[in-house]
Amino acid sequence: MSKKILIDLEKFRNTEDGKYNYGECIYDFHPENIGMKDLVEKAMMMFACRKCEDAPCIAVCPADALERNEDGFTERATNLCIGCQSCVAVCPFGTIMNDIFTAKKSICDLCEFTDDTQSLKCMETAPVGAITFTDMDENEDENIFKLNDKVLVKEVAWEKLMNNE
């Protein structure tokens, strides 16, 4: 098994001060970038989003910046997004976090970490335990899902909530 980043979405949502903190980033191409926001946005749309049949978030977007991809997940075209947050207001389940959908897109380049890497800047500055390293693999029984080859996400899938699991 190789080392992966584990993002715990609940720890991003439930901070002591009620504010989201995605940690600082050392992304080389623009220092104001908060790269973890990009991964949290993808994770949120894959695992927390209820994928509403009528998708009010998509319907309300005045810039047509939201659409479903071929896998059924909602994606945002940041070149179209104006950051109005209408999608946040209309989401019936509150799964879209209001500080994620801003006009400025953040990018995570998944820093070149190795199995010997002990920590990343985002891990040190995000809420305690929100971003960690793990050697585990995807495990649906523990609510750990694969976002990509380097990232796992811990989140209670809404399907489980509906089934009272």
C-alpha atoms as a PDB file:
ATOM      1  CA  MET A   1       0.000   0.000   0.000  1.00  0.00           C
ATOM      2  CA  SER A   2       1.186   3.503  -0.695  1.00  0.00           C
ATOM      3  CA  LYS A   3       0.580   6.617   1.346  1.00  0.00           C
ATOM      4  CA  LYS A   4      -2.511   8.687   0.519  1.00  0.00           C
ATOM      5  CA  ILE A   5      -4.051  11.921   1.752  1.00  0.00           C
ATOM      6  CA  LEU A   6      -7.220  11.413   3.832  1.00  0.00           C
ATOM      7  CA  ILE A   7      -9.676  14.318   3.913  1.00  0.00           C
ATOM      8  CA  ASP A   8     -12.251  14.211   6.711  1.00  0.00           C
ATOM      9  CA  LEU A   9     -15.093  16.446   5.484  1.00  0.00           C
ATOM     10  CA  GLU A  10     -16.822  16.508   8.876  1.00  0.00           C
ATOM     11  CA  LYS A  11     -13.770  18.116  10.480  1.00  0.00           C
ATOM     12  CA  PHE A  12     -13.877  20.881   7.861  1.00  0.00           C
ATOM     13  CA  ARG A  13     -17.573  21.535   8.579  1.00  0.00           C
ATOM     14  CA  ASN A  14     -17.482  21.321  12.369  1.00  0.00           C
ATOM     15  CA  THR A  15     -14.807  23.742  13.488  1.00  0.00           C
ATOM     16  CA  GLU A  16     -14.823  25.423  16.909  1.00  0.00           C
ATOM     17  CA  ASP A  17     -15.321  28.909  15.482  1.00  0.00           C
ATOM     18  CA  GLY A  18     -17.822  27.788  12.822  1.00  0.00           C
ATOM     19  CA  LYS A  19     -15.548  29.009  10.023  1.00  0.00           C
ATOM     20  CA  TYR A  20     -14.049  26.869   7.320  1.00  0.00           C
ATOM     21  CA  ASN A  21     -10.266  26.664   7.259  1.00  0.00           C
ATOM     22  CA  TYR A  22      -8.699  24.775   4.396  1.00  0.00           C
ATOM     23  CA  GLY A  23      -5.141  25.275   5.520  1.00  0.00           C
ATOM     24  CA  GLU A  24      -2.377  27.185   3.856  1.00  0.00           C
ATOM     25  CA  CYS A  25      -0.891  25.918   0.648  1.00  0.00           C
ATOM     26  CA  ILE A  26       2.496  26.196  -0.980  1.00  0.00           C
ATOM     27  CA  TYR A  27       1.143  25.854  -4.504  1.00  0.00           C
ATOM     28  CA  ASP A  28       3.924  27.259  -6.678  1.00  0.00           C
ATOM     29  CA  PHE A  29       1.940  29.081  -9.340  1.00  0.00           C
ATOM     30  CA  HIS A  30       0.053  31.572  -7.205  1.00  0.00           C
ATOM     31  CA  PRO A  31       0.684  31.974  -3.491  1.00  0.00           C
ATOM     32  CA  GLU A  32      -2.872  33.075  -2.592  1.00  0.00           C
ATOM     33  CA  ASN A  33      -4.147  29.675  -3.686  1.00  0.00           C
ATOM     34  CA  ILE A  34      -5.853  27.468  -1.113  1.00  0.00           C
ATOM     35  CA  GLY A  35      -5.551  24.236  -3.035  1.00  0.00           C
ATOM     36  CA  MET A  36      -7.401  22.043  -0.581  1.00  0.00           C
ATOM     37  CA  LYS A  37     -10.643  23.895  -1.447  1.00  0.00           C
ATOM     38  CA  ASP A  38     -10.526  22.260  -4.882  1.00  0.00           C
ATOM     39  CA  LEU A  39     -10.303  18.770  -3.425  1.00  0.00           C
ATOM     40  CA  VAL A  40     -12.990  19.512  -0.831  1.00  0.00           C
ATOM     41  CA  GLU A  41     -15.282  20.818  -3.602  1.00  0.00           C
ATOM     42  CA  LYS A  42     -14.811  17.619  -5.617  1.00  0.00           C
ATOM     43  CA  ALA A  43     -15.286  15.435  -2.538  1.00  0.00           C
ATOM     44  CA  MET A  44     -18.392  17.362  -1.525  1.00  0.00           C
ATOM     45  CA  MET A  45     -19.969  16.922  -4.944  1.00  0.00           C
ATOM     46  CA  MET A  46     -19.086  13.234  -5.140  1.00  0.00           C
ATOM     47  CA  PHE A  47     -19.981  12.117  -1.634  1.00  0.00           C
ATOM     48  CA  ALA A  48     -22.132  14.709   0.179  1.00  0.00           C
ATOM     49  CA  CYS A  49     -24.276  15.974  -2.719  1.00  0.00           C
ATOM     50  CA  ARG A  50     -27.649  14.221  -2.901  1.00  0.00           C
ATOM     51  CA  LYS A  51     -27.671  14.383  -6.716  1.00  0.00           C
ATOM     52  CA  CYS A  52     -31.248  15.729  -6.786  1.00  0.00           C
ATOM     53  CA  GLU A  53     -33.224  14.630  -9.812  1.00  0.00           C
ATOM     54  CA  ASP A  54     -34.352  18.209 -10.506  1.00  0.00           C
ATOM     55  CA  ALA A  55     -31.000  19.707  -9.298  1.00  0.00           C
ATOM     56  CA  PRO A  56     -32.118  23.148  -8.090  1.00  0.00           C
ATOM     57  CA  CYS A  57     -28.481  24.258  -7.808  1.00  0.00           C
ATOM     58  CA  ILE A  58     -27.995  23.712 -11.535  1.00  0.00           C
ATOM     59  CA  ALA A  59     -31.324  25.298 -12.429  1.00  0.00           C
ATOM     60  CA  VAL A  60     -30.760  28.462 -10.380  1.00  0.00           C
ATOM     61  CA  CYS A  61     -27.255  29.245 -11.625  1.00  0.00           C
ATOM     62  CA  PRO A  62     -27.496  32.482 -13.652  1.00  0.00           C
ATOM     63  CA  ALA A  63     -24.201  31.785 -15.419  1.00  0.00           C
ATOM     64  CA  ASP A  64     -24.843  28.120 -16.330  1.00  0.00           C
ATOM     65  CA  ALA A  65     -21.681  27.250 -14.436  1.00  0.00           C
ATOM     66  CA  LEU A  66     -22.990  23.989 -12.918  1.00  0.00           C
ATOM     67  CA  GLU A  67     -23.678  20.818 -14.852  1.00  0.00           C
ATOM     68  CA  ARG A  68     -23.768  17.070 -14.395  1.00  0.00           C
ATOM     69  CA  ASN A  69     -20.856  15.096 -15.737  1.00  0.00           C
ATOM     70  CA  GLU A  70     -21.191  11.704 -17.387  1.00  0.00           C
ATOM     71  CA  ASP A  71     -20.874   9.992 -13.974  1.00  0.00           C
ATOM     72  CA  GLY A  72     -23.822  11.960 -12.542  1.00  0.00           C
ATOM     73  CA  PHE A  73     -21.770  14.313 -10.355  1.00  0.00           C
ATOM     74  CA  THR A  74     -22.289  18.061 -10.378  1.00  0.00           C
ATOM     75  CA  GLU A  75     -19.270  20.007 -11.585  1.00  0.00           C
ATOM     76  CA  ARG A  76     -18.556  23.720 -11.675  1.00  0.00           C
ATOM     77  CA  ALA A  77     -17.074  25.529 -14.657  1.00  0.00           C
ATOM     78  CA  THR A  78     -15.052  28.159 -12.875  1.00  0.00           C
ATOM     79  CA  ASN A  79     -14.567  30.185 -16.029  1.00  0.00           C
ATOM     80  CA  LEU A  80     -18.356  30.737 -15.950  1.00  0.00           C
ATOM     81  CA  CYS A  81     -18.982  30.903 -12.180  1.00  0.00           C
ATOM     82  CA  ILE A  82     -19.585  34.452 -10.952  1.00  0.00           C
ATOM     83  CA  GLY A  83     -19.493  33.517  -7.255  1.00  0.00           C
ATOM     84  CA  CYS A  84     -23.086  34.623  -6.593  1.00  0.00           C
ATOM     85  CA  GLN A  85     -23.708  31.567  -4.374  1.00  0.00           C
ATOM     86  CA  SER A  86     -27.289  31.097  -5.569  1.00  0.00           C
ATOM     87  CA  CYS A  87     -26.537  27.377  -5.640  1.00  0.00           C
ATOM     88  CA  VAL A  88     -25.619  27.497  -1.942  1.00  0.00           C
ATOM     89  CA  ALA A  89     -28.872  29.258  -1.041  1.00  0.00           C
ATOM     90  CA  VAL A  90     -31.126  26.922  -2.997  1.00  0.00           C
ATOM     91  CA  CYS A  91     -29.529  23.569  -2.048  1.00  0.00           C
ATOM     92  CA  PRO A  92     -32.307  21.812  -0.065  1.00  0.00           C
ATOM     93  CA  PHE A  93     -29.814  19.724   1.898  1.00  0.00           C
ATOM     94  CA  GLY A  94     -27.168  22.341   2.677  1.00  0.00           C
ATOM     95  CA  THR A  95     -24.402  20.242   1.212  1.00  0.00           C
ATOM     96  CA  ILE A  96     -22.805  23.056  -0.791  1.00  0.00           C
ATOM     97  CA  MET A  97     -20.540  25.006   1.557  1.00  0.00           C
ATOM     98  CA  ASN A  98     -20.825  28.742   0.991  1.00  0.00           C
ATOM     99  CA  ASP A  99     -17.126  29.528   0.959  1.00  0.00           C
ATOM    100  CA  ILE A 100     -16.285  26.826  -1.573  1.00  0.00           C
ATOM    101  CA  PHE A 101     -18.148  28.305  -4.513  1.00  0.00           C
ATOM    102  CA  THR A 102     -16.354  31.561  -5.056  1.00  0.00           C
ATOM    103  CA  ALA A 103     -15.436  33.029  -8.414  1.00  0.00           C
ATOM    104  CA  LYS A 104     -11.739  32.352  -7.855  1.00  0.00           C
ATOM    105  CA  LYS A 105     -10.835  28.705  -8.339  1.00  0.00           C
ATOM    106  CA  SER A 106      -8.206  27.080  -6.170  1.00  0.00           C
ATOM    107  CA  ILE A 107      -6.086  24.243  -7.474  1.00  0.00           C
ATOM    108  CA  CYS A 108      -4.396  21.452  -5.550  1.00  0.00           C
ATOM    109  CA  ASP A 109      -1.392  19.942  -7.281  1.00  0.00           C
ATOM    110  CA  LEU A 110      -1.201  17.139  -4.684  1.00  0.00           C
ATOM    111  CA  CYS A 111       2.297  18.168  -3.644  1.00  0.00           C
ATOM    112  CA  GLU A 112       4.875  15.600  -4.558  1.00  0.00           C
ATOM    113  CA  PHE A 113       4.778  13.584  -1.372  1.00  0.00           C
ATOM    114  CA  THR A 114       6.390  10.203  -0.845  1.00  0.00           C
ATOM    115  CA  ASP A 115       5.878   7.445   1.677  1.00  0.00           C
ATOM    116  CA  ASP A 116       8.584   9.180   3.767  1.00  0.00           C
ATOM    117  CA  THR A 117       6.809  12.579   3.824  1.00  0.00           C
ATOM    118  CA  GLN A 118       5.685  13.369   7.363  1.00  0.00           C
ATOM    119  CA  SER A 119       3.491  16.418   6.776  1.00  0.00           C
ATOM    120  CA  LEU A 120       2.300  18.980   4.226  1.00  0.00           C
ATOM    121  CA  LYS A 121       1.653  22.687   4.823  1.00  0.00           C
ATOM    122  CA  CYS A 122      -2.129  22.215   4.463  1.00  0.00           C
ATOM    123  CA  MET A 123      -2.089  19.447   7.093  1.00  0.00           C
ATOM    124  CA  GLU A 124      -0.321  21.695   9.575  1.00  0.00           C
ATOM    125  CA  THR A 125      -2.692  24.638   9.147  1.00  0.00           C
ATOM    126  CA  ALA A 126      -6.112  23.002   8.567  1.00  0.00           C
ATOM    127  CA  PRO A 127      -8.380  21.943  11.460  1.00  0.00           C
ATOM    128  CA  VAL A 128      -6.780  19.168  13.521  1.00  0.00           C
ATOM    129  CA  GLY A 129      -7.261  15.813  11.810  1.00  0.00           C
ATOM    130  CA  ALA A 130      -9.041  17.235   8.734  1.00  0.00           C
ATOM    131  CA  ILE A 131      -6.140  16.327   6.432  1.00  0.00           C
ATOM    132  CA  THR A 132      -3.908  13.400   7.319  1.00  0.00           C
ATOM    133  CA  PHE A 133      -1.829  10.718   5.684  1.00  0.00           C
ATOM    134  CA  THR A 134      -3.029   7.128   5.639  1.00  0.00           C
ATOM    135  CA  ASP A 135      -1.898   3.787   4.270  1.00  0.00           C
ATOM    136  CA  MET A 136      -5.439   2.404   4.108  1.00  0.00           C
ATOM    137  CA  ASP A 137      -7.516   1.852   1.006  1.00  0.00           C
ATOM    138  CA  GLU A 138     -11.131   2.681   0.293  1.00  0.00           C
ATOM    139  CA  ASN A 139     -13.418   1.134   2.925  1.00  0.00           C
ATOM    140  CA  GLU A 140     -17.133   1.870   2.597  1.00  0.00           C
ATOM    141  CA  ASP A 141     -17.877   0.282   5.989  1.00  0.00           C
ATOM    142  CA  GLU A 142     -15.731   3.011   7.587  1.00  0.00           C
ATOM    143  CA  ASN A 143     -17.140   5.704   5.239  1.00  0.00           C
ATOM    144  CA  ILE A 144     -13.811   6.127   3.449  1.00  0.00           C
ATOM    145  CA  PHE A 145     -14.094   6.622  -0.296  1.00  0.00           C
ATOM    146  CA  LYS A 146     -11.588   7.039  -3.109  1.00  0.00           C
ATOM    147  CA  LEU A 147     -11.480  10.506  -4.706  1.00  0.00           C
ATOM    148  CA  ASN A 148      -8.471   9.656  -6.888  1.00  0.00           C
ATOM    149  CA  ASP A 149      -5.293   7.558  -6.665  1.00  0.00           C
ATOM    150  CA  LYS A 150      -3.692   9.869  -4.075  1.00  0.00           C
ATOM    151  CA  VAL A 151      -6.736  11.030  -2.068  1.00  0.00           C
ATOM    152  CA  LEU A 152      -9.341   9.348   0.116  1.00  0.00           C
ATOM    153  CA  VAL A 153     -12.357  11.106   1.625  1.00  0.00           C
ATOM    154  CA  LYS A 154     -14.073  10.306   4.916  1.00  0.00           C
ATOM    155  CA  GLU A 155     -17.751  11.220   4.753  1.00  0.00           C
ATOM    156  CA  VAL A 156     -21.002   9.514   5.661  1.00  0.00           C
ATOM    157  CA  ALA A 157     -22.540   8.901   2.272  1.00  0.00           C
ATOM    158  CA  TRP A 158     -26.063  10.286   2.166  1.00  0.00           C
ATOM    159  CA  GLU A 159     -27.380   6.960   0.883  1.00  0.00           C
ATOM    160  CA  LYS A 160     -26.367   5.428   4.237  1.00  0.00           C
ATOM    161  CA  LEU A 161     -28.134   8.209   6.126  1.00  0.00           C
ATOM    162  CA  MET A 162     -31.313   7.550   4.184  1.00  0.00           C
ATOM    163  CA  ASN A 163     -31.101   3.852   4.996  1.00  0.00           C
ATOM    164  CA  ASN A 164     -30.387   4.570   8.708  1.00  0.00           C
ATOM    165  CA  GLU A 165     -27.134   2.618   8.586  1.00  0.00           C
END
